[in-house]
Protein backbone atom coordinates (compact mmCIF):
# COMPACT_ATOMS: atom_id res chain seq x y z
CA MET A 1 6.98 20.40 14.98
CA ALA A 2 6.47 17.23 12.96
CA THR A 3 7.85 16.42 9.55
CA ASP A 4 5.91 14.48 6.92
CA LEU A 5 7.56 11.24 5.81
CA SER A 6 5.43 10.79 2.67
CA ILE A 7 8.46 11.57 0.48
CA HIS A 8 9.87 8.30 1.88
CA GLY A 9 6.70 6.39 1.00
CA MET A 10 5.50 6.44 4.63
CA THR A 11 2.18 7.70 5.93
CA ASP A 12 3.80 8.80 9.18
CA LEU A 13 4.99 11.92 10.88
CA ALA A 14 8.34 12.17 12.65
CA TRP A 15 9.18 14.41 15.59
CA LYS A 16 12.48 15.62 17.00
CA THR A 17 13.25 14.31 20.46
CA LYS A 18 11.94 17.29 22.45
CA ASP A 19 8.69 17.32 20.45
CA ALA A 20 8.31 13.55 20.71
CA PHE A 21 8.35 13.89 24.51
CA ARG A 22 5.43 16.32 24.23
CA VAL A 23 3.56 13.93 21.94
CA LEU A 24 4.03 11.13 24.49
CA GLU A 25 2.62 13.35 27.24
CA SER A 26 -0.38 14.22 25.07
CA THR A 27 -1.12 10.62 24.11
CA ALA A 28 -1.02 9.55 27.77
CA ALA A 29 -3.41 12.37 28.73
CA LEU A 30 -5.80 11.25 25.98
CA GLY A 31 -5.71 7.58 27.05
CA VAL A 32 -3.81 6.53 23.92
CA ALA A 33 -1.13 3.85 24.20
CA VAL A 34 2.22 4.06 22.42
CA VAL A 35 2.73 0.57 21.05
CA GLY A 36 6.22 1.42 19.77
CA GLY A 37 8.26 3.67 17.58
CA ASP A 38 11.06 4.01 15.06
CA LEU A 39 14.15 6.20 14.93
CA TRP A 40 15.12 8.25 11.91
CA ALA A 41 18.56 9.72 11.28
CA ASP A 42 18.94 13.28 10.04
CA VAL A 43 21.23 12.78 7.05
CA ASP A 44 21.23 16.03 5.13
CA PRO A 45 19.22 16.89 3.20
CA LYS A 46 16.59 14.37 4.39
CA LEU A 47 15.72 11.79 7.01
CA ARG A 48 16.77 8.16 6.68
CA PRO A 49 15.60 5.11 8.65
CA ALA A 50 18.04 4.36 11.49
CA TYR A 51 16.73 0.77 11.71
CA LEU A 52 16.30 1.13 15.47
CA ASN A 53 12.93 0.79 17.17
CA TRP A 54 11.12 -0.23 20.32
CA CYS A 55 7.82 -1.84 21.21
CA CYS A 56 5.75 -2.15 24.35
CA ASP A 57 3.15 -4.92 24.60
CA ILE A 58 0.34 -5.06 27.10
CA ASN A 59 1.01 -7.47 29.98
CA TYR A 60 -1.36 -10.25 30.94
CA GLY A 61 -3.90 -8.90 33.41
CA GLU A 62 -2.87 -5.27 32.81
CA SER A 63 -5.72 -2.78 32.53
CA TRP A 64 -5.86 -0.47 29.51
CA PRO A 65 -5.22 2.69 31.59
CA ASP A 66 -2.20 1.04 33.25
CA TYR A 67 -0.88 -0.03 29.85
CA VAL A 68 -1.33 3.48 28.45
CA ARG A 69 0.68 4.94 31.34
CA ARG A 70 3.40 2.28 31.15
CA SER A 71 3.71 2.40 27.35
CA CYS A 72 4.16 6.17 27.38
CA GLU A 73 6.72 5.95 30.21
CA TYR A 74 8.60 3.21 28.33
CA GLY A 75 8.61 5.34 25.18
CA ALA A 76 9.95 8.33 27.14
CA GLU A 77 12.73 6.17 28.62
CA TYR A 78 13.67 4.98 25.14
CA LEU A 79 13.72 8.52 23.77
CA ALA A 80 15.89 9.66 26.68
CA SER A 81 18.36 6.82 26.05
CA GLN A 82 19.17 8.02 22.54
CA PRO A 83 22.16 10.37 22.18
CA GLY A 84 21.77 13.75 20.55
CA GLU A 85 18.83 15.06 18.59
CA THR A 86 17.01 12.25 16.81
CA TRP A 87 13.74 11.93 14.90
CA PHE A 88 11.04 9.50 16.01
CA THR A 89 7.84 8.05 14.64
CA LEU A 90 5.31 6.68 17.11
CA VAL A 91 2.90 3.77 16.71
CA VAL A 92 -0.21 4.45 18.77
CA SER A 93 -3.42 2.64 19.66
CA GLU A 94 -6.55 4.43 20.83
CA LYS A 95 -8.15 1.25 22.12
CA PRO A 96 -7.06 -2.34 22.65
CA ASP A 97 -7.14 -4.72 19.72
CA ALA A 98 -8.50 -8.26 20.24
CA LYS A 99 -5.14 -9.68 21.38
CA GLN A 100 -4.55 -6.83 23.84
CA LEU A 101 -8.11 -7.11 25.14
CA ALA A 102 -7.72 -10.85 25.73
CA LYS A 103 -4.51 -10.26 27.69
CA SER A 104 -6.12 -7.58 29.86
CA TYR A 105 -8.90 -10.00 30.88
CA ASP A 106 -6.52 -12.87 31.63
CA ARG A 107 -6.21 -12.24 35.36
């Protein structure tokens, strides 16, 4: 289950670790890349930015489907490396932007 971060001035949703893993699986199945994400700390009574994040750029010559798979795997590794139950936001891309597209054709 996701939580709305609009009370923090964000237009994002955050998921607990176990749910974030499911979101990563779904994005991969839909061909959506996970460009990165942010961690949020559960400081009662609300979430606070943990100021920790990750990103995953497309590699030169990497196809979009390969990048989607790798970005979701990288995100899952990052989630698994965090101790305890944490909240995550994910930055996704449904298709390559111009920079990513240029890298994928640079073979």
